[in-house]
Amino acid sequence: MCDVCDELDEKIEHYKKVRVAMTDQLTIERIKALIAELEAQKAALHPEQK
């Protein structure tokens, strides 16, 4: 893994922890969208890996 992937993984884990603590459904949905965006960025960096 590259350094960028490591940073993205850290952000993803952070957002997952924050999501668990939230009770507002709109906020939870937005956090899920952010996680999906970060995962897409990570996948775009290494398209050969699945």
C-alpha atoms as a PDB file:
ATOM      1  CA  MET A   1       0.000   0.000   0.000  1.00  0.00           C
ATOM      2  CA  CYS A   2       1.077   3.537  -0.637  1.00  0.00           C
ATOM      3  CA  ASP A   3       1.136   6.444   1.787  1.00  0.00           C
ATOM      4  CA  VAL A   4      -1.969   7.975   0.224  1.00  0.00           C
ATOM      5  CA  CYS A   5      -3.866   4.722   0.770  1.00  0.00           C
ATOM      6  CA  ASP A   6      -2.743   4.665   4.390  1.00  0.00           C
ATOM      7  CA  GLU A   7      -4.047   8.208   4.879  1.00  0.00           C
ATOM      8  CA  LEU A   8      -7.349   7.324   3.214  1.00  0.00           C
ATOM      9  CA  ASP A   9      -7.673   4.236   5.427  1.00  0.00           C
ATOM     10  CA  GLU A  10      -7.125   6.386   8.520  1.00  0.00           C
ATOM     11  CA  LYS A  11      -9.825   8.820   7.396  1.00  0.00           C
ATOM     12  CA  ILE A  12     -12.227   5.980   6.609  1.00  0.00           C
ATOM     13  CA  GLU A  13     -11.716   4.438  10.047  1.00  0.00           C
ATOM     14  CA  HIS A  14     -12.181   7.835  11.696  1.00  0.00           C
ATOM     15  CA  TYR A  15     -15.472   8.449   9.881  1.00  0.00           C
ATOM     16  CA  LYS A  16     -16.689   4.959  10.767  1.00  0.00           C
ATOM     17  CA  LYS A  17     -16.046   5.658  14.450  1.00  0.00           C
ATOM     18  CA  VAL A  18     -17.813   9.020  14.226  1.00  0.00           C
ATOM     19  CA  ARG A  19     -20.776   7.430  12.426  1.00  0.00           C
ATOM     20  CA  VAL A  20     -21.323   4.966  15.286  1.00  0.00           C
ATOM     21  CA  ALA A  21     -21.616   7.846  17.747  1.00  0.00           C
ATOM     22  CA  MET A  22     -24.203   9.742  15.675  1.00  0.00           C
ATOM     23  CA  THR A  23     -27.956   9.478  16.091  1.00  0.00           C
ATOM     24  CA  ASP A  24     -29.079  11.946  13.416  1.00  0.00           C
ATOM     25  CA  GLN A  25     -29.985   9.958  10.292  1.00  0.00           C
ATOM     26  CA  LEU A  26     -29.067  12.772   7.887  1.00  0.00           C
ATOM     27  CA  THR A  27     -25.600  13.024   9.423  1.00  0.00           C
ATOM     28  CA  ILE A  28     -25.163   9.251   9.280  1.00  0.00           C
ATOM     29  CA  GLU A  29     -26.108   9.221   5.589  1.00  0.00           C
ATOM     30  CA  ARG A  30     -23.639  12.016   4.827  1.00  0.00           C
ATOM     31  CA  ILE A  31     -20.855  10.196   6.670  1.00  0.00           C
ATOM     32  CA  LYS A  32     -21.646   7.046   4.677  1.00  0.00           C
ATOM     33  CA  ALA A  33     -21.352   9.123   1.490  1.00  0.00           C
ATOM     34  CA  LEU A  34     -17.989  10.498   2.625  1.00  0.00           C
ATOM     35  CA  ILE A  35     -16.747   6.974   3.337  1.00  0.00           C
ATOM     36  CA  ALA A  36     -17.894   5.855  -0.118  1.00  0.00           C
ATOM     37  CA  GLU A  37     -16.072   8.806  -1.717  1.00  0.00           C
ATOM     38  CA  LEU A  38     -12.859   7.966   0.131  1.00  0.00           C
ATOM     39  CA  GLU A  39     -13.121   4.302  -0.832  1.00  0.00           C
ATOM     40  CA  ALA A  40     -13.637   5.325  -4.474  1.00  0.00           C
ATOM     41  CA  GLN A  41     -10.543   7.528  -4.308  1.00  0.00           C
ATOM     42  CA  LYS A  42      -8.570   4.615  -2.908  1.00  0.00           C
ATOM     43  CA  ALA A  43      -9.841   2.270  -5.628  1.00  0.00           C
ATOM     44  CA  ALA A  44      -8.920   4.822  -8.304  1.00  0.00           C
ATOM     45  CA  LEU A  45      -5.328   4.917  -7.059  1.00  0.00           C
ATOM     46  CA  HIS A  46      -4.879   1.181  -7.611  1.00  0.00           C
ATOM     47  CA  PRO A  47      -7.472  -0.008 -10.126  1.00  0.00           C
ATOM     48  CA  GLU A  48      -5.749  -3.368 -10.584  1.00  0.00           C
ATOM     49  CA  GLN A  49      -6.479  -4.318  -6.954  1.00  0.00           C
ATOM     50  CA  LYS A  50      -9.941  -5.456  -5.983  1.00  0.00           C
END
